[in-house]
PDB file of N, CA and C in Angstrom:
ATOM      1  N   MET A   1     -13.712  -5.159 -11.527  1.00  0.00           N
ATOM      2  CA  MET A   1     -12.452  -4.465 -11.428  1.00  0.00           C
ATOM      3  C   MET A   1     -11.910  -4.623 -10.008  1.00  0.00           C
ATOM      4  N   LYS A   2     -10.604  -4.817  -9.925  1.00  0.00           N
ATOM      5  CA  LYS A   2      -9.944  -4.987  -8.633  1.00  0.00           C
ATOM      6  C   LYS A   2      -8.924  -3.861  -8.445  1.00  0.00           C
ATOM      7  N   LEU A   3      -8.938  -3.263  -7.248  1.00  0.00           N
ATOM      8  CA  LEU A   3      -8.047  -2.160  -6.900  1.00  0.00           C
ATOM      9  C   LEU A   3      -7.049  -2.592  -5.844  1.00  0.00           C
ATOM     10  N   SER A   4      -5.852  -2.061  -5.955  1.00  0.00           N
ATOM     11  CA  SER A   4      -4.854  -2.186  -4.898  1.00  0.00           C
ATOM     12  C   SER A   4      -4.516  -0.790  -4.409  1.00  0.00           C
ATOM     13  N   ILE A   5      -4.543  -0.606  -3.098  1.00  0.00           N
ATOM     14  CA  ILE A   5      -4.164   0.661  -2.488  1.00  0.00           C
ATOM     15  C   ILE A   5      -2.877   0.399  -1.717  1.00  0.00           C
ATOM     16  N   ILE A   6      -1.808   1.066  -2.149  1.00  0.00           N
ATOM     17  CA  ILE A   6      -0.496   0.833  -1.557  1.00  0.00           C
ATOM     18  C   ILE A   6      -0.053   2.071  -0.787  1.00  0.00           C
ATOM     19  N   PHE A   7       0.349   1.856   0.453  1.00  0.00           N
ATOM     20  CA  PHE A   7       0.960   2.924   1.236  1.00  0.00           C
ATOM     21  C   PHE A   7       1.922   2.330   2.233  1.00  0.00           C
ATOM     22  N   GLY A   8       2.734   3.213   2.836  1.00  0.00           N
ATOM     23  CA  GLY A   8       3.712   2.728   3.797  1.00  0.00           C
ATOM     24  C   GLY A   8       4.064   3.720   4.875  1.00  0.00           C
ATOM     25  N   THR A   9       3.523   4.930   4.765  1.00  0.00           N
ATOM     26  CA  THR A   9       3.806   5.961   5.767  1.00  0.00           C
ATOM     27  C   THR A   9       2.503   6.480   6.349  1.00  0.00           C
ATOM     28  N   ARG A  10       2.596   7.060   7.530  1.00  0.00           N
ATOM     29  CA  ARG A  10       1.386   7.572   8.177  1.00  0.00           C
ATOM     30  C   ARG A  10       0.701   8.673   7.371  1.00  0.00           C
ATOM     31  N   PRO A  11       1.437   9.620   6.768  1.00  0.00           N
ATOM     32  CA  PRO A  11       0.737  10.608   5.932  1.00  0.00           C
ATOM     33  C   PRO A  11      -0.020   9.967   4.763  1.00  0.00           C
ATOM     34  N   GLU A  12       0.532   8.890   4.209  1.00  0.00           N
ATOM     35  CA  GLU A  12      -0.166   8.203   3.115  1.00  0.00           C
ATOM     36  C   GLU A  12      -1.444   7.531   3.615  1.00  0.00           C
ATOM     37  N   ILE A  13      -1.402   6.984   4.819  1.00  0.00           N
ATOM     38  CA  ILE A  13      -2.612   6.377   5.399  1.00  0.00           C
ATOM     39  C   ILE A  13      -3.705   7.436   5.503  1.00  0.00           C
ATOM     40  N   ILE A  14      -3.341   8.596   6.034  1.00  0.00           N
ATOM     41  CA  ILE A  14      -4.315   9.673   6.206  1.00  0.00           C
ATOM     42  C   ILE A  14      -4.890  10.110   4.865  1.00  0.00           C
ATOM     43  N   LYS A  15      -4.032  10.281   3.879  1.00  0.00           N
ATOM     44  CA  LYS A  15      -4.483  10.770   2.571  1.00  0.00           C
ATOM     45  C   LYS A  15      -5.300   9.730   1.807  1.00  0.00           C
ATOM     46  N   MET A  16      -5.039   8.462   2.036  1.00  0.00           N
ATOM     47  CA  MET A  16      -5.787   7.406   1.342  1.00  0.00           C
ATOM     48  C   MET A  16      -7.057   7.003   2.087  1.00  0.00           C
ATOM     49  N   ALA A  17      -7.225   7.449   3.318  1.00  0.00           N
ATOM     50  CA  ALA A  17      -8.401   7.075   4.103  1.00  0.00           C
ATOM     51  C   ALA A  17      -9.717   7.396   3.395  1.00  0.00           C
ATOM     52  N   PRO A  18      -9.902   8.580   2.808  1.00  0.00           N
ATOM     53  CA  PRO A  18     -11.166   8.843   2.110  1.00  0.00           C
ATOM     54  C   PRO A  18     -11.382   7.923   0.904  1.00  0.00           C
ATOM     55  N   VAL A  19     -10.299   7.555   0.240  1.00  0.00           N
ATOM     56  CA  VAL A  19     -10.400   6.636  -0.905  1.00  0.00           C
ATOM     57  C   VAL A  19     -10.856   5.264  -0.420  1.00  0.00           C
ATOM     58  N   ILE A  20     -10.272   4.809   0.676  1.00  0.00           N
ATOM     59  CA  ILE A  20     -10.654   3.508   1.240  1.00  0.00           C
ATOM     60  C   ILE A  20     -12.112   3.523   1.682  1.00  0.00           C
ATOM     61  N   ARG A  21     -12.519   4.593   2.338  1.00  0.00           N
ATOM     62  CA  ARG A  21     -13.929   4.685   2.775  1.00  0.00           C
ATOM     63  C   ARG A  21     -14.874   4.660   1.573  1.00  0.00           C
ATOM     64  N   GLU A  22     -14.488   5.308   0.496  1.00  0.00           N
ATOM     65  CA  GLU A  22     -15.331   5.298  -0.707  1.00  0.00           C
ATOM     66  C   GLU A  22     -15.367   3.903  -1.334  1.00  0.00           C
ATOM     67  N   CYS A  23     -14.257   3.197  -1.320  1.00  0.00           N
ATOM     68  CA  CYS A  23     -14.247   1.814  -1.807  1.00  0.00           C
ATOM     69  C   CYS A  23     -15.201   0.953  -0.991  1.00  0.00           C
ATOM     70  N   GLU A  24     -15.178   1.144   0.323  1.00  0.00           N
ATOM     71  CA  GLU A  24     -16.099   0.419   1.206  1.00  0.00           C
ATOM     72  C   GLU A  24     -17.544   0.780   0.884  1.00  0.00           C
ATOM     73  N   LYS A  25     -17.804   2.078   0.763  1.00  0.00           N
ATOM     74  CA  LYS A  25     -19.157   2.575   0.504  1.00  0.00           C
ATOM     75  C   LYS A  25     -19.723   2.001  -0.797  1.00  0.00           C
ATOM     76  N   GLN A  26     -18.862   1.912  -1.818  1.00  0.00           N
ATOM     77  CA  GLN A  26     -19.306   1.410  -3.126  1.00  0.00           C
ATOM     78  C   GLN A  26     -19.141  -0.104  -3.261  1.00  0.00           C
ATOM     79  N   ASP A  27     -18.713  -0.757  -2.192  1.00  0.00           N
ATOM     80  CA  ASP A  27     -18.524  -2.209  -2.169  1.00  0.00           C
ATOM     81  C   ASP A  27     -17.615  -2.675  -3.314  1.00  0.00           C
ATOM     82  N   LEU A  28     -16.496  -1.959  -3.487  1.00  0.00           N
ATOM     83  CA  LEU A  28     -15.548  -2.302  -4.539  1.00  0.00           C
ATOM     84  C   LEU A  28     -14.617  -3.423  -4.085  1.00  0.00           C
ATOM     85  N   ASP A  29     -14.105  -4.153  -5.045  1.00  0.00           N
ATOM     86  CA  ASP A  29     -13.137  -5.209  -4.789  1.00  0.00           C
ATOM     87  C   ASP A  29     -11.757  -4.552  -4.701  1.00  0.00           C
ATOM     88  N   TYR A  30     -11.220  -4.440  -3.499  1.00  0.00           N
ATOM     89  CA  TYR A  30      -9.932  -3.781  -3.302  1.00  0.00           C
ATOM     90  C   TYR A  30      -9.178  -4.456  -2.174  1.00  0.00           C
ATOM     91  N   PHE A  31      -7.892  -4.180  -2.128  1.00  0.00           N
ATOM     92  CA  PHE A  31      -7.110  -4.612  -0.988  1.00  0.00           C
ATOM     93  C   PHE A  31      -6.064  -3.555  -0.674  1.00  0.00           C
ATOM     94  N   ILE A  32      -5.634  -3.554   0.583  1.00  0.00           N
ATOM     95  CA  ILE A  32      -4.626  -2.616   1.063  1.00  0.00           C
ATOM     96  C   ILE A  32      -3.313  -3.363   1.224  1.00  0.00           C
ATOM     97  N   LEU A  33      -2.262  -2.763   0.685  1.00  0.00           N
ATOM     98  CA  LEU A  33      -0.914  -3.282   0.848  1.00  0.00           C
ATOM     99  C   LEU A  33      -0.099  -2.222   1.592  1.00  0.00           C
ATOM    100  N   HIS A  34       0.376  -2.560   2.763  1.00  0.00           N
ATOM    101  CA  HIS A  34       1.163  -1.653   3.599  1.00  0.00           C
ATOM    102  C   HIS A  34       2.605  -2.144   3.565  1.00  0.00           C
ATOM    103  N   THR A  35       3.524  -1.283   3.128  1.00  0.00           N
ATOM    104  CA  THR A  35       4.913  -1.705   3.031  1.00  0.00           C
ATOM    105  C   THR A  35       5.630  -1.723   4.370  1.00  0.00           C
ATOM    106  N   GLY A  36       5.128  -0.964   5.326  1.00  0.00           N
ATOM    107  CA  GLY A  36       5.811  -0.876   6.613  1.00  0.00           C
ATOM    108  C   GLY A  36       7.003   0.071   6.580  1.00  0.00           C
ATOM    109  N   GLN A  37       6.994   1.020   5.632  1.00  0.00           N
ATOM    110  CA  GLN A  37       8.090   1.991   5.571  1.00  0.00           C
ATOM    111  C   GLN A  37       8.184   2.770   6.882  1.00  0.00           C
ATOM    112  N   HIS A  38       7.049   3.264   7.399  1.00  0.00           N
ATOM    113  CA  HIS A  38       6.999   3.772   8.778  1.00  0.00           C
ATOM    114  C   HIS A  38       6.639   2.550   9.605  1.00  0.00           C
ATOM    115  N   TYR A  39       7.594   2.018  10.295  1.00  0.00           N
ATOM    116  CA  TYR A  39       7.491   0.653  10.799  1.00  0.00           C
ATOM    117  C   TYR A  39       7.036   0.517  12.237  1.00  0.00           C
ATOM    118  N   SER A  40       6.428   1.542  12.810  1.00  0.00           N
ATOM    119  CA  SER A  40       5.895   1.413  14.155  1.00  0.00           C
ATOM    120  C   SER A  40       4.458   0.892  14.074  1.00  0.00           C
ATOM    121  N   TYR A  41       4.296  -0.379  14.357  1.00  0.00           N
ATOM    122  CA  TYR A  41       2.971  -0.993  14.315  1.00  0.00           C
ATOM    123  C   TYR A  41       1.998  -0.263  15.231  1.00  0.00           C
ATOM    124  N   ASN A  42       2.449   0.095  16.427  1.00  0.00           N
ATOM    125  CA  ASN A  42       1.559   0.755  17.385  1.00  0.00           C
ATOM    126  C   ASN A  42       1.062   2.100  16.880  1.00  0.00           C
ATOM    127  N   LEU A  43       1.948   2.897  16.265  1.00  0.00           N
ATOM    128  CA  LEU A  43       1.508   4.178  15.717  1.00  0.00           C
ATOM    129  C   LEU A  43       0.557   3.974  14.540  1.00  0.00           C
ATOM    130  N   ASP A  44       0.899   3.064  13.650  1.00  0.00           N
ATOM    131  CA  ASP A  44       0.013   2.789  12.510  1.00  0.00           C
ATOM    132  C   ASP A  44      -1.351   2.308  12.981  1.00  0.00           C
ATOM    133  N   LYS A  45      -1.354   1.456  13.974  1.00  0.00           N
ATOM    134  CA  LYS A  45      -2.604   0.911  14.509  1.00  0.00           C
ATOM    135  C   LYS A  45      -3.541   2.025  14.961  1.00  0.00           C
ATOM    136  N   ILE A  46      -2.979   3.040  15.601  1.00  0.00           N
ATOM    137  CA  ILE A  46      -3.786   4.173  16.066  1.00  0.00           C
ATOM    138  C   ILE A  46      -4.452   4.867  14.876  1.00  0.00           C
ATOM    139  N   PHE A  47      -3.690   5.075  13.806  1.00  0.00           N
ATOM    140  CA  PHE A  47      -4.254   5.730  12.621  1.00  0.00           C
ATOM    141  C   PHE A  47      -5.371   4.894  12.011  1.00  0.00           C
ATOM    142  N   PHE A  48      -5.163   3.590  11.896  1.00  0.00           N
ATOM    143  CA  PHE A  48      -6.202   2.712  11.344  1.00  0.00           C
ATOM    144  C   PHE A  48      -7.456   2.756  12.216  1.00  0.00           C
ATOM    145  N   GLU A  49      -7.270   2.721  13.529  1.00  0.00           N
ATOM    146  CA  GLU A  49      -8.416   2.740  14.438  1.00  0.00           C
ATOM    147  C   GLU A  49      -9.142   4.079  14.388  1.00  0.00           C
ATOM    148  N   GLU A  50      -8.397   5.176  14.505  1.00  0.00           N
ATOM    149  CA  GLU A  50      -9.015   6.504  14.525  1.00  0.00           C
ATOM    150  C   GLU A  50      -9.716   6.846  13.211  1.00  0.00           C
ATOM    151  N   LEU A  51      -9.162   6.370  12.107  1.00  0.00           N
ATOM    152  CA  LEU A  51      -9.759   6.638  10.795  1.00  0.00           C
ATOM    153  C   LEU A  51     -10.767   5.559  10.395  1.00  0.00           C
ATOM    154  N   GLU A  52     -10.952   4.574  11.276  1.00  0.00           N
ATOM    155  CA  GLU A  52     -11.906   3.476  11.060  1.00  0.00           C
ATOM    156  C   GLU A  52     -11.649   2.770   9.730  1.00  0.00           C
ATOM    157  N   LEU A  53     -10.408   2.348   9.543  1.00  0.00           N
ATOM    158  CA  LEU A  53     -10.011   1.660   8.318  1.00  0.00           C
ATOM    159  C   LEU A  53      -9.846   0.169   8.581  1.00  0.00           C
ATOM    160  N   PRO A  54     -10.127  -0.648   7.567  1.00  0.00           N
ATOM    161  CA  PRO A  54      -9.881  -2.081   7.725  1.00  0.00           C
ATOM    162  C   PRO A  54      -8.371  -2.345   7.755  1.00  0.00           C
ATOM    163  N   GLU A  55      -7.989  -3.468   8.320  1.00  0.00           N
ATOM    164  CA  GLU A  55      -6.579  -3.840   8.344  1.00  0.00           C
ATOM    165  C   GLU A  55      -6.068  -4.063   6.928  1.00  0.00           C
ATOM    166  N   ALA A  56      -4.774  -3.848   6.754  1.00  0.00           N
ATOM    167  CA  ALA A  56      -4.149  -4.135   5.461  1.00  0.00           C
ATOM    168  C   ALA A  56      -4.154  -5.639   5.227  1.00  0.00           C
ATOM    169  N   LYS A  57      -4.462  -6.037   4.010  1.00  0.00           N
ATOM    170  CA  LYS A  57      -4.409  -7.456   3.658  1.00  0.00           C
ATOM    171  C   LYS A  57      -2.963  -7.943   3.655  1.00  0.00           C
ATOM    172  N   TYR A  58      -2.068  -7.064   3.242  1.00  0.00           N
ATOM    173  CA  TYR A  58      -0.646  -7.389   3.193  1.00  0.00           C
ATOM    174  C   TYR A  58       0.134  -6.337   3.968  1.00  0.00           C
ATOM    175  N   ASN A  59       1.084  -6.771   4.776  1.00  0.00           N
ATOM    176  CA  ASN A  59       2.013  -5.860   5.437  1.00  0.00           C
ATOM    177  C   ASN A  59       3.405  -6.424   5.220  1.00  0.00           C
ATOM    178  N   LEU A  60       4.211  -5.698   4.469  1.00  0.00           N
ATOM    179  CA  LEU A  60       5.525  -6.185   4.076  1.00  0.00           C
ATOM    180  C   LEU A  60       6.585  -6.021   5.159  1.00  0.00           C
ATOM    181  N   ASP A  61       6.316  -5.230   6.173  1.00  0.00           N
ATOM    182  CA  ASP A  61       7.257  -5.041   7.293  1.00  0.00           C
ATOM    183  C   ASP A  61       8.678  -4.740   6.816  1.00  0.00           C
ATOM    184  N   VAL A  62       8.818  -3.837   5.854  1.00  0.00           N
ATOM    185  CA  VAL A  62      10.121  -3.527   5.284  1.00  0.00           C
ATOM    186  C   VAL A  62      11.051  -2.868   6.295  1.00  0.00           C
ATOM    187  N   GLY A  63      10.541  -1.976   7.114  1.00  0.00           N
ATOM    188  CA  GLY A  63      11.378  -1.321   8.109  1.00  0.00           C
ATOM    189  C   GLY A  63      12.332  -0.317   7.501  1.00  0.00           C
ATOM    190  N   SER A  64      13.396  -0.017   8.234  1.00  0.00           N
ATOM    191  CA  SER A  64      14.299   1.038   7.779  1.00  0.00           C
ATOM    192  C   SER A  64      15.501   0.460   7.049  1.00  0.00           C
ATOM    193  N   GLY A  65      16.143   1.340   6.322  1.00  0.00           N
ATOM    194  CA  GLY A  65      17.351   1.005   5.576  1.00  0.00           C
ATOM    195  C   GLY A  65      17.686   2.181   4.695  1.00  0.00           C
ATOM    196  N   THR A  66      18.651   1.994   3.828  1.00  0.00           N
ATOM    197  CA  THR A  66      18.952   3.057   2.871  1.00  0.00           C
ATOM    198  C   THR A  66      17.792   3.147   1.882  1.00  0.00           C
ATOM    199  N   HIS A  67      17.768   4.229   1.124  1.00  0.00           N
ATOM    200  CA  HIS A  67      16.717   4.358   0.108  1.00  0.00           C
ATOM    201  C   HIS A  67      16.748   3.164  -0.838  1.00  0.00           C
ATOM    202  N   ALA A  68      17.921   2.754  -1.245  1.00  0.00           N
ATOM    203  CA  ALA A  68      18.047   1.622  -2.171  1.00  0.00           C
ATOM    204  C   ALA A  68      17.559   0.321  -1.538  1.00  0.00           C
ATOM    205  N   GLU A  69      17.941   0.079  -0.289  1.00  0.00           N
ATOM    206  CA  GLU A  69      17.518  -1.147   0.395  1.00  0.00           C
ATOM    207  C   GLU A  69      16.001  -1.192   0.548  1.00  0.00           C
ATOM    208  N   GLU A  70      15.432  -0.106   1.053  1.00  0.00           N
ATOM    209  CA  GLU A  70      13.976  -0.059   1.256  1.00  0.00           C
ATOM    210  C   GLU A  70      13.240  -0.231  -0.063  1.00  0.00           C
ATOM    211  N   THR A  71      13.607   0.564  -1.049  1.00  0.00           N
ATOM    212  CA  THR A  71      12.903   0.550  -2.328  1.00  0.00           C
ATOM    213  C   THR A  71      13.054  -0.807  -3.009  1.00  0.00           C
ATOM    214  N   GLY A  72      14.252  -1.380  -2.962  1.00  0.00           N
ATOM    215  CA  GLY A  72      14.472  -2.690  -3.578  1.00  0.00           C
ATOM    216  C   GLY A  72      13.621  -3.786  -2.947  1.00  0.00           C
ATOM    217  N   LYS A  73      13.605  -3.825  -1.602  1.00  0.00           N
ATOM    218  CA  LYS A  73      12.788  -4.831  -0.900  1.00  0.00           C
ATOM    219  C   LYS A  73      11.308  -4.650  -1.243  1.00  0.00           C
ATOM    220  N   MET A  74      10.881  -3.401  -1.208  1.00  0.00           N
ATOM    221  CA  MET A  74       9.467  -3.128  -1.499  1.00  0.00           C
ATOM    222  C   MET A  74       9.113  -3.534  -2.923  1.00  0.00           C
ATOM    223  N   LEU A  75       9.943  -3.163  -3.865  1.00  0.00           N
ATOM    224  CA  LEU A  75       9.670  -3.462  -5.272  1.00  0.00           C
ATOM    225  C   LEU A  75       9.523  -4.957  -5.487  1.00  0.00           C
ATOM    226  N   ILE A  76      10.419  -5.724  -4.938  1.00  0.00           N
ATOM    227  CA  ILE A  76      10.356  -7.182  -5.077  1.00  0.00           C
ATOM    228  C   ILE A  76       9.076  -7.736  -4.457  1.00  0.00           C
ATOM    229  N   ASP A  77       8.772  -7.311  -3.228  1.00  0.00           N
ATOM    230  CA  ASP A  77       7.609  -7.863  -2.522  1.00  0.00           C
ATOM    231  C   ASP A  77       6.286  -7.369  -3.090  1.00  0.00           C
ATOM    232  N   ILE A  78       6.231  -6.097  -3.473  1.00  0.00           N
ATOM    233  CA  ILE A  78       4.995  -5.573  -4.075  1.00  0.00           C
ATOM    234  C   ILE A  78       4.718  -6.298  -5.385  1.00  0.00           C
ATOM    235  N   GLU A  79       5.744  -6.500  -6.179  1.00  0.00           N
ATOM    236  CA  GLU A  79       5.575  -7.201  -7.457  1.00  0.00           C
ATOM    237  C   GLU A  79       4.990  -8.600  -7.241  1.00  0.00           C
ATOM    238  N   LYS A  80       5.475  -9.306  -6.221  1.00  0.00           N
ATOM    239  CA  LYS A  80       4.943 -10.646  -5.916  1.00  0.00           C
ATOM    240  C   LYS A  80       3.449 -10.582  -5.604  1.00  0.00           C
ATOM    241  N   VAL A  81       3.055  -9.614  -4.780  1.00  0.00           N
ATOM    242  CA  VAL A  81       1.642  -9.476  -4.410  1.00  0.00           C
ATOM    243  C   VAL A  81       0.805  -9.132  -5.643  1.00  0.00           C
ATOM    244  N   LEU A  82       1.272  -8.201  -6.446  1.00  0.00           N
ATOM    245  CA  LEU A  82       0.501  -7.795  -7.631  1.00  0.00           C
ATOM    246  C   LEU A  82       0.382  -8.930  -8.643  1.00  0.00           C
ATOM    247  N   LYS A  83       1.413  -9.750  -8.771  1.00  0.00           N
ATOM    248  CA  LYS A  83       1.327 -10.917  -9.665  1.00  0.00           C
ATOM    249  C   LYS A  83       0.267 -11.896  -9.176  1.00  0.00           C
ATOM    250  N   GLU A  84       0.199 -12.051  -7.862  1.00  0.00           N
ATOM    251  CA  GLU A  84      -0.790 -12.972  -7.278  1.00  0.00           C
ATOM    252  C   GLU A  84      -2.204 -12.405  -7.363  1.00  0.00           C
ATOM    253  N   GLU A  85      -2.383 -11.161  -6.996  1.00  0.00           N
ATOM    254  CA  GLU A  85      -3.713 -10.548  -6.904  1.00  0.00           C
ATOM    255  C   GLU A  85      -4.268 -10.061  -8.243  1.00  0.00           C
ATOM    256  N   LYS A  86      -3.389  -9.661  -9.144  1.00  0.00           N
ATOM    257  CA  LYS A  86      -3.762  -9.157 -10.464  1.00  0.00           C
ATOM    258  C   LYS A  86      -4.791  -8.018 -10.446  1.00  0.00           C
ATOM    259  N   PRO A  87      -4.479  -6.932  -9.738  1.00  0.00           N
ATOM    260  CA  PRO A  87      -5.412  -5.801  -9.747  1.00  0.00           C
ATOM    261  C   PRO A  87      -5.397  -5.096 -11.102  1.00  0.00           C
ATOM    262  N   ASN A  88      -6.513  -4.478 -11.436  1.00  0.00           N
ATOM    263  CA  ASN A  88      -6.600  -3.681 -12.658  1.00  0.00           C
ATOM    264  C   ASN A  88      -6.075  -2.274 -12.440  1.00  0.00           C
ATOM    265  N   VAL A  89      -6.187  -1.800 -11.198  1.00  0.00           N
ATOM    266  CA  VAL A  89      -5.785  -0.443 -10.851  1.00  0.00           C
ATOM    267  C   VAL A  89      -4.963  -0.496  -9.568  1.00  0.00           C
ATOM    268  N   VAL A  90      -3.868   0.270  -9.546  1.00  0.00           N
ATOM    269  CA  VAL A  90      -3.055   0.404  -8.346  1.00  0.00           C
ATOM    270  C   VAL A  90      -3.000   1.882  -7.998  1.00  0.00           C
ATOM    271  N   LEU A  91      -3.358   2.196  -6.759  1.00  0.00           N
ATOM    272  CA  LEU A  91      -3.337   3.578  -6.298  1.00  0.00           C
ATOM    273  C   LEU A  91      -2.179   3.787  -5.331  1.00  0.00           C
ATOM    274  N   VAL A  92      -1.361   4.807  -5.620  1.00  0.00           N
ATOM    275  CA  VAL A  92      -0.300   5.248  -4.728  1.00  0.00           C
ATOM    276  C   VAL A  92      -0.386   6.759  -4.658  1.00  0.00           C
ATOM    277  N   GLU A  93       0.115   7.333  -3.570  1.00  0.00           N
ATOM    278  CA  GLU A  93       0.033   8.784  -3.414  1.00  0.00           C
ATOM    279  C   GLU A  93       1.242   9.243  -2.631  1.00  0.00           C
ATOM    280  N   GLY A  94       1.953  10.232  -3.148  1.00  0.00           N
ATOM    281  CA  GLY A  94       3.034  10.814  -2.384  1.00  0.00           C
ATOM    282  C   GLY A  94       4.363  10.792  -3.103  1.00  0.00           C
ATOM    283  N   ASP A  95       5.428  10.928  -2.305  1.00  0.00           N
ATOM    284  CA  ASP A  95       6.774  11.025  -2.858  1.00  0.00           C
ATOM    285  C   ASP A  95       7.757  10.211  -2.019  1.00  0.00           C
ATOM    286  N   THR A  96       7.336   9.026  -1.625  1.00  0.00           N
ATOM    287  CA  THR A  96       8.134   8.192  -0.738  1.00  0.00           C
ATOM    288  C   THR A  96       8.700   6.991  -1.486  1.00  0.00           C
ATOM    289  N   ASN A  97       9.576   6.257  -0.807  1.00  0.00           N
ATOM    290  CA  ASN A  97      10.100   5.018  -1.383  1.00  0.00           C
ATOM    291  C   ASN A  97       8.965   4.045  -1.703  1.00  0.00           C
ATOM    292  N   THR A  98       7.945   4.017  -0.857  1.00  0.00           N
ATOM    293  CA  THR A  98       6.787   3.159  -1.093  1.00  0.00           C
ATOM    294  C   THR A  98       6.109   3.497  -2.404  1.00  0.00           C
ATOM    295  N   VAL A  99       5.898   4.771  -2.646  1.00  0.00           N
ATOM    296  CA  VAL A  99       5.206   5.206  -3.867  1.00  0.00           C
ATOM    297  C   VAL A  99       6.043   4.863  -5.098  1.00  0.00           C
ATOM    298  N   LEU A 100       7.347   5.100  -5.027  1.00  0.00           N
ATOM    299  CA  LEU A 100       8.231   4.757  -6.143  1.00  0.00           C
ATOM    300  C   LEU A 100       8.167   3.265  -6.438  1.00  0.00           C
ATOM    301  N   ALA A 101       8.322   2.446  -5.400  1.00  0.00           N
ATOM    302  CA  ALA A 101       8.300   0.989  -5.584  1.00  0.00           C
ATOM    303  C   ALA A 101       6.938   0.517  -6.069  1.00  0.00           C
ATOM    304  N   GLY A 102       5.862   1.071  -5.499  1.00  0.00           N
ATOM    305  CA  GLY A 102       4.520   0.675  -5.915  1.00  0.00           C
ATOM    306  C   GLY A 102       4.244   1.025  -7.362  1.00  0.00           C
ATOM    307  N   ALA A 103       4.646   2.207  -7.777  1.00  0.00           N
ATOM    308  CA  ALA A 103       4.420   2.629  -9.152  1.00  0.00           C
ATOM    309  C   ALA A 103       5.225   1.794 -10.136  1.00  0.00           C
ATOM    310  N   LEU A 104       6.491   1.516  -9.793  1.00  0.00           N
ATOM    311  CA  LEU A 104       7.317   0.697 -10.678  1.00  0.00           C
ATOM    312  C   LEU A 104       6.765  -0.727 -10.798  1.00  0.00           C
ATOM    313  N   ALA A 105       6.389  -1.304  -9.676  1.00  0.00           N
ATOM    314  CA  ALA A 105       5.837  -2.662  -9.710  1.00  0.00           C
ATOM    315  C   ALA A 105       4.534  -2.696 -10.499  1.00  0.00           C
ATOM    316  N   ALA A 106       3.699  -1.690 -10.292  1.00  0.00           N
ATOM    317  CA  ALA A 106       2.397  -1.652 -10.978  1.00  0.00           C
ATOM    318  C   ALA A 106       2.544  -1.464 -12.477  1.00  0.00           C
ATOM    319  N   SER A 107       3.574  -0.749 -12.897  1.00  0.00           N
ATOM    320  CA  SER A 107       3.705  -0.463 -14.327  1.00  0.00           C
ATOM    321  C   SER A 107       3.893  -1.742 -15.132  1.00  0.00           C
ATOM    322  N   GLY A 108       4.349  -2.800 -14.489  1.00  0.00           N
ATOM    323  CA  GLY A 108       4.527  -4.055 -15.196  1.00  0.00           C
ATOM    324  C   GLY A 108       3.528  -5.132 -14.844  1.00  0.00           C
ATOM    325  N   GLU A 109       2.696  -4.900 -13.818  1.00  0.00           N
ATOM    326  CA  GLU A 109       1.862  -5.999 -13.321  1.00  0.00           C
ATOM    327  C   GLU A 109       0.350  -5.770 -13.350  1.00  0.00           C
ATOM    328  N   THR A 110      -0.147  -4.587 -13.497  1.00  0.00           N
ATOM    329  CA  THR A 110      -1.590  -4.388 -13.407  1.00  0.00           C
ATOM    330  C   THR A 110      -2.294  -5.008 -14.587  1.00  0.00           C
ATOM    331  N   GLY A 111      -3.305  -5.779 -14.274  1.00  0.00           N
ATOM    332  CA  GLY A 111      -4.177  -6.355 -15.282  1.00  0.00           C
ATOM    333  C   GLY A 111      -3.545  -7.417 -16.140  1.00  0.00           C
ATOM    334  N   ASN A 112      -2.323  -7.847 -15.834  1.00  0.00           N
ATOM    335  CA  ASN A 112      -1.660  -8.860 -16.666  1.00  0.00           C
ATOM    336  C   ASN A 112      -1.950 -10.255 -16.185  1.00  0.00           C
TER     337      ASN A 112
END
């Protein structure tokens, strides 16, 4: 089984950190996709370092824009990654544009 963990904001990084650590502990096949919704690399880097998390395999660097612009860019790019990686499970958490885009992309791409 392959897992995708999608996040894009610092609160999502914090909340997904225990899930990532458990994936590491159980030696699961997973990857991290960071949309870059909170687009300060330096701030994100601190969270990854302090929480001792591996780097994201994918960083979409979406940056800022309107809700429609951000969500649209994320949806397109997340879908491309999920088509390539073909995870069986996609994990998202929260109420952000990243979570909306990740959930929509996953609803059509997981395990296909």
